[in-house]
Amino acid sequence: MLPNKVKIGGIEYMVKEVEGMEGEFDLLGQILYTRGTIKVDADLAADRKEQVLVHEILHGVFFEAGIEEQDEDMINRVAIILHQVLKDNDLRFNDKNVT
């Protein structure tokens, strides 16, 4: 399950699952910096949605850091590995149930 929002560089981005992005726009996800929105195709499998969200978050990290020219291939590669590391190691830093 995706979060409803993520904060990147002090900016809150709303996360929205959107029907038919892949078919209509040929995208799995998209970040809209000026609107503070991240869209993820609702038709994807759960793991793929998470991976796409990590991909879009990385775009946001680079943008908020002032890096506007981004290499899509590099973002793809890092997102795939970062998603795997976060998931396989169950990394959650803001979990209120952790003691």
PDB file of N, CA and C in Angstrom:
ATOM      1  N   MET A   1       0.835  -1.182   0.000  1.00  0.00           N
ATOM      2  CA  MET A   1       0.000   0.000   0.000  1.00  0.00           C
ATOM      3  C   MET A   1       0.881   1.247   0.000  1.00  0.00           C
ATOM      4  N   LEU A   2       0.588   2.151  -0.887  1.00  0.00           N
ATOM      5  CA  LEU A   2       1.376   3.369  -1.002  1.00  0.00           C
ATOM      6  C   LEU A   2       0.939   4.397   0.044  1.00  0.00           C
ATOM      7  N   PRO A   3       1.879   5.227   0.491  1.00  0.00           N
ATOM      8  CA  PRO A   3       1.486   6.308   1.397  1.00  0.00           C
ATOM      9  C   PRO A   3       0.677   7.362   0.643  1.00  0.00           C
ATOM     10  N   ASN A   4      -0.079   8.166   1.356  1.00  0.00           N
ATOM     11  CA  ASN A   4      -0.864   9.239   0.753  1.00  0.00           C
ATOM     12  C   ASN A   4      -0.008  10.448   0.390  1.00  0.00           C
ATOM     13  N   LYS A   5       1.129  10.577   1.087  1.00  0.00           N
ATOM     14  CA  LYS A   5       2.013  11.711   0.829  1.00  0.00           C
ATOM     15  C   LYS A   5       3.426  11.362   1.253  1.00  0.00           C
ATOM     16  N   VAL A   6       4.384  12.066   0.663  1.00  0.00           N
ATOM     17  CA  VAL A   6       5.793  11.967   1.047  1.00  0.00           C
ATOM     18  C   VAL A   6       6.355  13.382   1.085  1.00  0.00           C
ATOM     19  N   LYS A   7       7.299  13.602   1.985  1.00  0.00           N
ATOM     20  CA  LYS A   7       7.943  14.902   2.069  1.00  0.00           C
ATOM     21  C   LYS A   7       9.350  14.762   1.500  1.00  0.00           C
ATOM     22  N   ILE A   8       9.670  15.634   0.543  1.00  0.00           N
ATOM     23  CA  ILE A   8      10.974  15.607  -0.132  1.00  0.00           C
ATOM     24  C   ILE A   8      11.553  17.010  -0.066  1.00  0.00           C
ATOM     25  N   GLY A   9      12.681  17.164   0.600  1.00  0.00           N
ATOM     26  CA  GLY A   9      13.326  18.469   0.681  1.00  0.00           C
ATOM     27  C   GLY A   9      12.437  19.532   1.278  1.00  0.00           C
ATOM     28  N   GLY A  10      11.611  19.145   2.244  1.00  0.00           N
ATOM     29  CA  GLY A  10      10.716  20.090   2.893  1.00  0.00           C
ATOM     30  C   GLY A  10       9.416  20.344   2.146  1.00  0.00           C
ATOM     31  N   ILE A  11       9.233  19.733   0.990  1.00  0.00           N
ATOM     32  CA  ILE A  11       8.029  19.904   0.187  1.00  0.00           C
ATOM     33  C   ILE A  11       7.170  18.651   0.294  1.00  0.00           C
ATOM     34  N   GLU A  12       5.904  18.842   0.599  1.00  0.00           N
ATOM     35  CA  GLU A  12       4.992  17.711   0.696  1.00  0.00           C
ATOM     36  C   GLU A  12       4.404  17.398  -0.678  1.00  0.00           C
ATOM     37  N   TYR A  13       4.554  16.164  -1.094  1.00  0.00           N
ATOM     38  CA  TYR A  13       3.997  15.675  -2.357  1.00  0.00           C
ATOM     39  C   TYR A  13       2.876  14.702  -2.047  1.00  0.00           C
ATOM     40  N   MET A  14       1.709  14.955  -2.624  1.00  0.00           N
ATOM     41  CA  MET A  14       0.588  14.033  -2.506  1.00  0.00           C
ATOM     42  C   MET A  14       0.828  12.868  -3.474  1.00  0.00           C
ATOM     43  N   VAL A  15       0.574  11.654  -3.028  1.00  0.00           N
ATOM     44  CA  VAL A  15       0.748  10.465  -3.856  1.00  0.00           C
ATOM     45  C   VAL A  15      -0.638  10.003  -4.295  1.00  0.00           C
ATOM     46  N   LYS A  16      -0.827   9.893  -5.609  1.00  0.00           N
ATOM     47  CA  LYS A  16      -2.120   9.499  -6.158  1.00  0.00           C
ATOM     48  C   LYS A  16      -1.961   8.307  -7.083  1.00  0.00           C
ATOM     49  N   GLU A  17      -2.831   7.333  -6.914  1.00  0.00           N
ATOM     50  CA  GLU A  17      -2.888   6.216  -7.850  1.00  0.00           C
ATOM     51  C   GLU A  17      -3.888   6.590  -8.931  1.00  0.00           C
ATOM     52  N   VAL A  18      -3.445   6.549 -10.178  1.00  0.00           N
ATOM     53  CA  VAL A  18      -4.254   7.014 -11.306  1.00  0.00           C
ATOM     54  C   VAL A  18      -4.498   5.845 -12.259  1.00  0.00           C
ATOM     55  N   GLU A  19      -5.730   5.648 -12.638  1.00  0.00           N
ATOM     56  CA  GLU A  19      -6.100   4.573 -13.562  1.00  0.00           C
ATOM     57  C   GLU A  19      -5.587   4.848 -14.977  1.00  0.00           C
ATOM     58  N   GLY A  20      -5.038   3.824 -15.606  1.00  0.00           N
ATOM     59  CA  GLY A  20      -4.725   3.861 -17.029  1.00  0.00           C
ATOM     60  C   GLY A  20      -3.575   4.735 -17.477  1.00  0.00           C
ATOM     61  N   MET A  21      -2.647   5.084 -16.602  1.00  0.00           N
ATOM     62  CA  MET A  21      -1.526   5.935 -17.011  1.00  0.00           C
ATOM     63  C   MET A  21      -0.683   5.279 -18.094  1.00  0.00           C
ATOM     64  N   GLU A  22      -0.409   3.996 -17.912  1.00  0.00           N
ATOM     65  CA  GLU A  22       0.462   3.303 -18.872  1.00  0.00           C
ATOM     66  C   GLU A  22      -0.160   3.297 -20.257  1.00  0.00           C
ATOM     67  N   GLY A  23      -1.437   3.001 -20.331  1.00  0.00           N
ATOM     68  CA  GLY A  23      -2.101   2.942 -21.629  1.00  0.00           C
ATOM     69  C   GLY A  23      -2.275   4.294 -22.286  1.00  0.00           C
ATOM     70  N   GLU A  24      -2.722   5.279 -21.507  1.00  0.00           N
ATOM     71  CA  GLU A  24      -3.030   6.585 -22.074  1.00  0.00           C
ATOM     72  C   GLU A  24      -1.787   7.447 -22.280  1.00  0.00           C
ATOM     73  N   PHE A  25      -0.894   7.447 -21.293  1.00  0.00           N
ATOM     74  CA  PHE A  25       0.259   8.342 -21.339  1.00  0.00           C
ATOM     75  C   PHE A  25       1.571   7.618 -21.569  1.00  0.00           C
ATOM     76  N   ASP A  26       1.556   6.282 -21.613  1.00  0.00           N
ATOM     77  CA  ASP A  26       2.764   5.476 -21.751  1.00  0.00           C
ATOM     78  C   ASP A  26       3.735   5.731 -20.592  1.00  0.00           C
ATOM     79  N   LEU A  27       3.174   5.914 -19.387  1.00  0.00           N
ATOM     80  CA  LEU A  27       3.964   6.142 -18.186  1.00  0.00           C
ATOM     81  C   LEU A  27       3.528   5.175 -17.096  1.00  0.00           C
ATOM     82  N   LEU A  28       4.458   4.836 -16.217  1.00  0.00           N
ATOM     83  CA  LEU A  28       4.108   4.072 -15.025  1.00  0.00           C
ATOM     84  C   LEU A  28       3.917   5.012 -13.838  1.00  0.00           C
ATOM     85  N   GLY A  29       4.589   6.153 -13.896  1.00  0.00           N
ATOM     86  CA  GLY A  29       4.481   7.146 -12.838  1.00  0.00           C
ATOM     87  C   GLY A  29       4.922   8.503 -13.351  1.00  0.00           C
ATOM     88  N   GLN A  30       4.660   9.526 -12.546  1.00  0.00           N
ATOM     89  CA  GLN A  30       5.020  10.882 -12.946  1.00  0.00           C
ATOM     90  C   GLN A  30       5.063  11.754 -11.699  1.00  0.00           C
ATOM     91  N   ILE A  31       6.033  12.667 -11.654  1.00  0.00           N
ATOM     92  CA  ILE A  31       6.080  13.644 -10.579  1.00  0.00           C
ATOM     93  C   ILE A  31       5.837  15.022 -11.177  1.00  0.00           C
ATOM     94  N   LEU A  32       4.958  15.755 -10.542  1.00  0.00           N
ATOM     95  CA  LEU A  32       4.635  17.116 -10.968  1.00  0.00           C
ATOM     96  C   LEU A  32       5.157  18.057  -9.884  1.00  0.00           C
ATOM     97  N   TYR A  33       6.331  18.612 -10.114  1.00  0.00           N
ATOM     98  CA  TYR A  33       7.007  19.423  -9.099  1.00  0.00           C
ATOM     99  C   TYR A  33       6.177  20.633  -8.687  1.00  0.00           C
ATOM    100  N   THR A  34       5.620  21.356  -9.646  1.00  0.00           N
ATOM    101  CA  THR A  34       4.906  22.593  -9.331  1.00  0.00           C
ATOM    102  C   THR A  34       3.576  22.340  -8.628  1.00  0.00           C
ATOM    103  N   ARG A  35       3.026  21.156  -8.784  1.00  0.00           N
ATOM    104  CA  ARG A  35       1.749  20.818  -8.134  1.00  0.00           C
ATOM    105  C   ARG A  35       1.940  20.009  -6.861  1.00  0.00           C
ATOM    106  N   GLY A  36       3.171  19.579  -6.609  1.00  0.00           N
ATOM    107  CA  GLY A  36       3.418  18.765  -5.424  1.00  0.00           C
ATOM    108  C   GLY A  36       2.669  17.450  -5.466  1.00  0.00           C
ATOM    109  N   THR A  37       2.724  16.791  -6.631  1.00  0.00           N
ATOM    110  CA  THR A  37       1.971  15.551  -6.825  1.00  0.00           C
ATOM    111  C   THR A  37       2.851  14.474  -7.452  1.00  0.00           C
ATOM    112  N   ILE A  38       2.691  13.272  -6.964  1.00  0.00           N
ATOM    113  CA  ILE A  38       3.304  12.093  -7.583  1.00  0.00           C
ATOM    114  C   ILE A  38       2.166  11.174  -7.990  1.00  0.00           C
ATOM    115  N   LYS A  39       2.152  10.790  -9.259  1.00  0.00           N
ATOM    116  CA  LYS A  39       1.133   9.879  -9.773  1.00  0.00           C
ATOM    117  C   LYS A  39       1.775   8.521 -10.036  1.00  0.00           C
ATOM    118  N   VAL A  40       1.054   7.468  -9.685  1.00  0.00           N
ATOM    119  CA  VAL A  40       1.491   6.090  -9.939  1.00  0.00           C
ATOM    120  C   VAL A  40       0.323   5.363 -10.592  1.00  0.00           C
ATOM    121  N   ASP A  41       0.610   4.598 -11.621  1.00  0.00           N
ATOM    122  CA  ASP A  41      -0.435   3.854 -12.328  1.00  0.00           C
ATOM    123  C   ASP A  41      -1.094   2.854 -11.378  1.00  0.00           C
ATOM    124  N   ALA A  42      -2.396   2.990 -11.168  1.00  0.00           N
ATOM    125  CA  ALA A  42      -3.148   2.140 -10.249  1.00  0.00           C
ATOM    126  C   ALA A  42      -3.257   0.699 -10.727  1.00  0.00           C
ATOM    127  N   ASP A  43      -3.030   0.461 -12.007  1.00  0.00           N
ATOM    128  CA  ASP A  43      -3.191  -0.875 -12.568  1.00  0.00           C
ATOM    129  C   ASP A  43      -1.974  -1.782 -12.361  1.00  0.00           C
ATOM    130  N   LEU A  44      -0.916  -1.255 -11.784  1.00  0.00           N
ATOM    131  CA  LEU A  44       0.308  -2.035 -11.595  1.00  0.00           C
ATOM    132  C   LEU A  44       0.188  -2.973 -10.399  1.00  0.00           C
ATOM    133  N   ALA A  45       1.010  -4.020 -10.407  1.00  0.00           N
ATOM    134  CA  ALA A  45       1.110  -4.913  -9.248  1.00  0.00           C
ATOM    135  C   ALA A  45       1.697  -4.121  -8.072  1.00  0.00           C
ATOM    136  N   ALA A  46       1.433  -4.567  -6.862  1.00  0.00           N
ATOM    137  CA  ALA A  46       1.839  -3.848  -5.649  1.00  0.00           C
ATOM    138  C   ALA A  46       3.344  -3.557  -5.609  1.00  0.00           C
ATOM    139  N   ASP A  47       4.172  -4.554  -5.887  1.00  0.00           N
ATOM    140  CA  ASP A  47       5.626  -4.342  -5.871  1.00  0.00           C
ATOM    141  C   ASP A  47       6.054  -3.318  -6.916  1.00  0.00           C
ATOM    142  N   ARG A  48       5.442  -3.374  -8.085  1.00  0.00           N
ATOM    143  CA  ARG A  48       5.783  -2.428  -9.153  1.00  0.00           C
ATOM    144  C   ARG A  48       5.369  -1.009  -8.764  1.00  0.00           C
ATOM    145  N   LYS A  49       4.209  -0.863  -8.119  1.00  0.00           N
ATOM    146  CA  LYS A  49       3.788   0.462  -7.644  1.00  0.00           C
ATOM    147  C   LYS A  49       4.834   1.043  -6.690  1.00  0.00           C
ATOM    148  N   GLU A  50       5.308   0.212  -5.769  1.00  0.00           N
ATOM    149  CA  GLU A  50       6.317   0.671  -4.810  1.00  0.00           C
ATOM    150  C   GLU A  50       7.588   1.090  -5.530  1.00  0.00           C
ATOM    151  N   GLN A  51       8.007   0.280  -6.479  1.00  0.00           N
ATOM    152  CA  GLN A  51       9.225   0.579  -7.233  1.00  0.00           C
ATOM    153  C   GLN A  51       9.077   1.886  -8.018  1.00  0.00           C
ATOM    154  N   VAL A  52       7.933   2.079  -8.624  1.00  0.00           N
ATOM    155  CA  VAL A  52       7.673   3.309  -9.376  1.00  0.00           C
ATOM    156  C   VAL A  52       7.652   4.503  -8.420  1.00  0.00           C
ATOM    157  N   LEU A  53       7.064   4.351  -7.243  1.00  0.00           N
ATOM    158  CA  LEU A  53       7.063   5.442  -6.273  1.00  0.00           C
ATOM    159  C   LEU A  53       8.486   5.813  -5.882  1.00  0.00           C
ATOM    160  N   VAL A  54       9.332   4.830  -5.623  1.00  0.00           N
ATOM    161  CA  VAL A  54      10.737   5.110  -5.296  1.00  0.00           C
ATOM    162  C   VAL A  54      11.400   5.847  -6.454  1.00  0.00           C
ATOM    163  N   HIS A  55      11.131   5.440  -7.673  1.00  0.00           N
ATOM    164  CA  HIS A  55      11.666   6.106  -8.866  1.00  0.00           C
ATOM    165  C   HIS A  55      11.267   7.582  -8.878  1.00  0.00           C
ATOM    166  N   GLU A  56       9.981   7.857  -8.670  1.00  0.00           N
ATOM    167  CA  GLU A  56       9.502   9.238  -8.696  1.00  0.00           C
ATOM    168  C   GLU A  56      10.046  10.044  -7.514  1.00  0.00           C
ATOM    169  N   ILE A  57      10.184   9.403  -6.362  1.00  0.00           N
ATOM    170  CA  ILE A  57      10.793  10.075  -5.210  1.00  0.00           C
ATOM    171  C   ILE A  57      12.225  10.487  -5.535  1.00  0.00           C
ATOM    172  N   LEU A  58      12.968   9.612  -6.211  1.00  0.00           N
ATOM    173  CA  LEU A  58      14.343   9.964  -6.598  1.00  0.00           C
ATOM    174  C   LEU A  58      14.366  11.183  -7.515  1.00  0.00           C
ATOM    175  N   HIS A  59      13.430  11.256  -8.457  1.00  0.00           N
ATOM    176  CA  HIS A  59      13.331  12.458  -9.287  1.00  0.00           C
ATOM    177  C   HIS A  59      13.119  13.687  -8.392  1.00  0.00           C
ATOM    178  N   GLY A  60      12.234  13.550  -7.409  1.00  0.00           N
ATOM    179  CA  GLY A  60      11.970  14.649  -6.489  1.00  0.00           C
ATOM    180  C   GLY A  60      13.183  15.036  -5.665  1.00  0.00           C
ATOM    181  N   VAL A  61      13.937  14.046  -5.210  1.00  0.00           N
ATOM    182  CA  VAL A  61      15.159  14.305  -4.435  1.00  0.00           C
ATOM    183  C   VAL A  61      16.148  15.111  -5.274  1.00  0.00           C
ATOM    184  N   PHE A  62      16.360  14.676  -6.496  1.00  0.00           N
ATOM    185  CA  PHE A  62      17.295  15.386  -7.378  1.00  0.00           C
ATOM    186  C   PHE A  62      16.790  16.800  -7.669  1.00  0.00           C
ATOM    187  N   PHE A  63      15.498  16.944  -7.960  1.00  0.00           N
ATOM    188  CA  PHE A  63      14.937  18.257  -8.272  1.00  0.00           C
ATOM    189  C   PHE A  63      15.063  19.200  -7.086  1.00  0.00           C
ATOM    190  N   GLU A  64      14.688  18.736  -5.914  1.00  0.00           N
ATOM    191  CA  GLU A  64      14.753  19.580  -4.720  1.00  0.00           C
ATOM    192  C   GLU A  64      16.194  19.910  -4.338  1.00  0.00           C
ATOM    193  N   ALA A  65      17.137  19.076  -4.775  1.00  0.00           N
ATOM    194  CA  ALA A  65      18.563  19.352  -4.546  1.00  0.00           C
ATOM    195  C   ALA A  65      19.137  20.298  -5.603  1.00  0.00           C
ATOM    196  N   GLY A  66      18.289  20.719  -6.549  1.00  0.00           N
ATOM    197  CA  GLY A  66      18.732  21.667  -7.571  1.00  0.00           C
ATOM    198  C   GLY A  66      19.285  21.028  -8.824  1.00  0.00           C
ATOM    199  N   ILE A  67      19.107  19.728  -8.961  1.00  0.00           N
ATOM    200  CA  ILE A  67      19.590  19.009 -10.140  1.00  0.00           C
ATOM    201  C   ILE A  67      18.406  18.817 -11.080  1.00  0.00           C
ATOM    202  N   GLU A  68      18.265  19.711 -12.022  1.00  0.00           N
ATOM    203  CA  GLU A  68      17.100  19.663 -12.911  1.00  0.00           C
ATOM    204  C   GLU A  68      17.312  18.747 -14.112  1.00  0.00           C
ATOM    205  N   GLU A  69      18.551  18.624 -14.586  1.00  0.00           N
ATOM    206  CA  GLU A  69      18.837  17.677 -15.669  1.00  0.00           C
ATOM    207  C   GLU A  69      19.140  16.326 -15.042  1.00  0.00           C
ATOM    208  N   GLN A  70      18.290  15.352 -15.340  1.00  0.00           N
ATOM    209  CA  GLN A  70      18.420  14.043 -14.710  1.00  0.00           C
ATOM    210  C   GLN A  70      18.520  12.953 -15.763  1.00  0.00           C
ATOM    211  N   ASP A  71      19.382  12.010 -15.510  1.00  0.00           N
ATOM    212  CA  ASP A  71      19.580  10.870 -16.397  1.00  0.00           C
ATOM    213  C   ASP A  71      18.549   9.793 -16.043  1.00  0.00           C
ATOM    214  N   GLU A  72      17.590   9.571 -16.915  1.00  0.00           N
ATOM    215  CA  GLU A  72      16.495   8.629 -16.648  1.00  0.00           C
ATOM    216  C   GLU A  72      17.006   7.212 -16.409  1.00  0.00           C
ATOM    217  N   ASP A  73      18.026   6.805 -17.156  1.00  0.00           N
ATOM    218  CA  ASP A  73      18.582   5.464 -16.974  1.00  0.00           C
ATOM    219  C   ASP A  73      19.191   5.316 -15.580  1.00  0.00           C
ATOM    220  N   MET A  74      19.903   6.339 -15.105  1.00  0.00           N
ATOM    221  CA  MET A  74      20.490   6.279 -13.776  1.00  0.00           C
ATOM    222  C   MET A  74      19.394   6.239 -12.710  1.00  0.00           C
ATOM    223  N   ILE A  75      18.366   7.070 -12.866  1.00  0.00           N
ATOM    224  CA  ILE A  75      17.251   7.071 -11.909  1.00  0.00           C
ATOM    225  C   ILE A  75      16.613   5.685 -11.866  1.00  0.00           C
ATOM    226  N   ASN A  76      16.390   5.068 -13.035  1.00  0.00           N
ATOM    227  CA  ASN A  76      15.809   3.715 -13.093  1.00  0.00           C
ATOM    228  C   ASN A  76      16.659   2.712 -12.332  1.00  0.00           C
ATOM    229  N   ARG A  77      17.957   2.720 -12.599  1.00  0.00           N
ATOM    230  CA  ARG A  77      18.850   1.737 -11.969  1.00  0.00           C
ATOM    231  C   ARG A  77      18.909   1.899 -10.454  1.00  0.00           C
ATOM    232  N   VAL A  78      19.052   3.135  -9.998  1.00  0.00           N
ATOM    233  CA  VAL A  78      19.132   3.381  -8.556  1.00  0.00           C
ATOM    234  C   VAL A  78      17.796   3.066  -7.889  1.00  0.00           C
ATOM    235  N   ALA A  79      16.677   3.415  -8.512  1.00  0.00           N
ATOM    236  CA  ALA A  79      15.360   3.145  -7.932  1.00  0.00           C
ATOM    237  C   ALA A  79      15.124   1.655  -7.740  1.00  0.00           C
ATOM    238  N   ILE A  80      15.509   0.849  -8.706  1.00  0.00           N
ATOM    239  CA  ILE A  80      15.323  -0.603  -8.600  1.00  0.00           C
ATOM    240  C   ILE A  80      16.078  -1.153  -7.398  1.00  0.00           C
ATOM    241  N   ILE A  81      17.329  -0.759  -7.252  1.00  0.00           N
ATOM    242  CA  ILE A  81      18.148  -1.263  -6.137  1.00  0.00           C
ATOM    243  C   ILE A  81      17.690  -0.681  -4.802  1.00  0.00           C
ATOM    244  N   LEU A  82      17.382   0.625  -4.768  1.00  0.00           N
ATOM    245  CA  LEU A  82      16.927   1.245  -3.523  1.00  0.00           C
ATOM    246  C   LEU A  82      15.620   0.618  -3.048  1.00  0.00           C
ATOM    247  N   HIS A  83      14.702   0.366  -3.957  1.00  0.00           N
ATOM    248  CA  HIS A  83      13.442  -0.299  -3.589  1.00  0.00           C
ATOM    249  C   HIS A  83      13.735  -1.656  -2.959  1.00  0.00           C
ATOM    250  N   GLN A  84      14.616  -2.419  -3.579  1.00  0.00           N
ATOM    251  CA  GLN A  84      14.962  -3.746  -3.056  1.00  0.00           C
ATOM    252  C   GLN A  84      15.598  -3.647  -1.671  1.00  0.00           C
ATOM    253  N   VAL A  85      16.513  -2.719  -1.468  1.00  0.00           N
ATOM    254  CA  VAL A  85      17.183  -2.561  -0.172  1.00  0.00           C
ATOM    255  C   VAL A  85      16.173  -2.177   0.910  1.00  0.00           C
ATOM    256  N   LEU A  86      15.316  -1.203   0.619  1.00  0.00           N
ATOM    257  CA  LEU A  86      14.318  -0.771   1.598  1.00  0.00           C
ATOM    258  C   LEU A  86      13.360  -1.900   1.946  1.00  0.00           C
ATOM    259  N   LYS A  87      12.904  -2.618   0.937  1.00  0.00           N
ATOM    260  CA  LYS A  87      11.916  -3.674   1.137  1.00  0.00           C
ATOM    261  C   LYS A  87      12.511  -4.902   1.832  1.00  0.00           C
ATOM    262  N   ASP A  88      13.631  -5.396   1.319  1.00  0.00           N
ATOM    263  CA  ASP A  88      14.221  -6.622   1.872  1.00  0.00           C
ATOM    264  C   ASP A  88      14.753  -6.445   3.287  1.00  0.00           C
ATOM    265  N   ASN A  89      15.081  -5.219   3.646  1.00  0.00           N
ATOM    266  CA  ASN A  89      15.591  -4.960   4.994  1.00  0.00           C
ATOM    267  C   ASN A  89      14.537  -4.342   5.903  1.00  0.00           C
ATOM    268  N   ASP A  90      13.295  -4.256   5.388  1.00  0.00           N
ATOM    269  CA  ASP A  90      12.161  -3.736   6.155  1.00  0.00           C
ATOM    270  C   ASP A  90      12.527  -2.415   6.831  1.00  0.00           C
ATOM    271  N   LEU A  91      13.127  -1.509   6.061  1.00  0.00           N
ATOM    272  CA  LEU A  91      13.589  -0.240   6.613  1.00  0.00           C
ATOM    273  C   LEU A  91      12.453   0.775   6.690  1.00  0.00           C
ATOM    274  N   ARG A  92      12.097   1.090   7.893  1.00  0.00           N
ATOM    275  CA  ARG A  92      11.093   2.118   8.181  1.00  0.00           C
ATOM    276  C   ARG A  92      11.642   2.931   9.342  1.00  0.00           C
ATOM    277  N   PHE A  93      11.830   4.200   9.123  1.00  0.00           N
ATOM    278  CA  PHE A  93      12.463   5.030  10.128  1.00  0.00           C
ATOM    279  C   PHE A  93      11.478   5.842  10.955  1.00  0.00           C
ATOM    280  N   ASN A  94      10.232   5.892  10.559  1.00  0.00           N
ATOM    281  CA  ASN A  94       9.241   6.704  11.247  1.00  0.00           C
ATOM    282  C   ASN A  94       8.064   5.853  11.704  1.00  0.00           C
ATOM    283  N   ASP A  95       8.338   4.615  12.050  1.00  0.00           N
ATOM    284  CA  ASP A  95       7.280   3.701  12.471  1.00  0.00           C
ATOM    285  C   ASP A  95       7.036   3.890  13.968  1.00  0.00           C
ATOM    286  N   LYS A  96       5.843   4.316  14.322  1.00  0.00           N
ATOM    287  CA  LYS A  96       5.517   4.602  15.709  1.00  0.00           C
ATOM    288  C   LYS A  96       5.448   3.337  16.574  1.00  0.00           C
ATOM    289  N   ASN A  97       5.385   2.164  15.926  1.00  0.00           N
ATOM    290  CA  ASN A  97       5.320   0.903  16.671  1.00  0.00           C
ATOM    291  C   ASN A  97       6.690   0.353  17.027  1.00  0.00           C
ATOM    292  N   VAL A  98       7.749   0.975  16.514  1.00  0.00           N
ATOM    293  CA  VAL A  98       9.101   0.502  16.811  1.00  0.00           C
ATOM    294  C   VAL A  98       9.530   1.037  18.164  1.00  0.00           C
ATOM    295  N   THR A  99      10.079   0.150  18.995  1.00  0.00           N
ATOM    296  CA  THR A  99      10.560   0.579  20.320  1.00  0.00           C
ATOM    297  C   THR A  99      12.047   0.472  20.428  1.00  0.00           C
TER     298      THR A  99
END
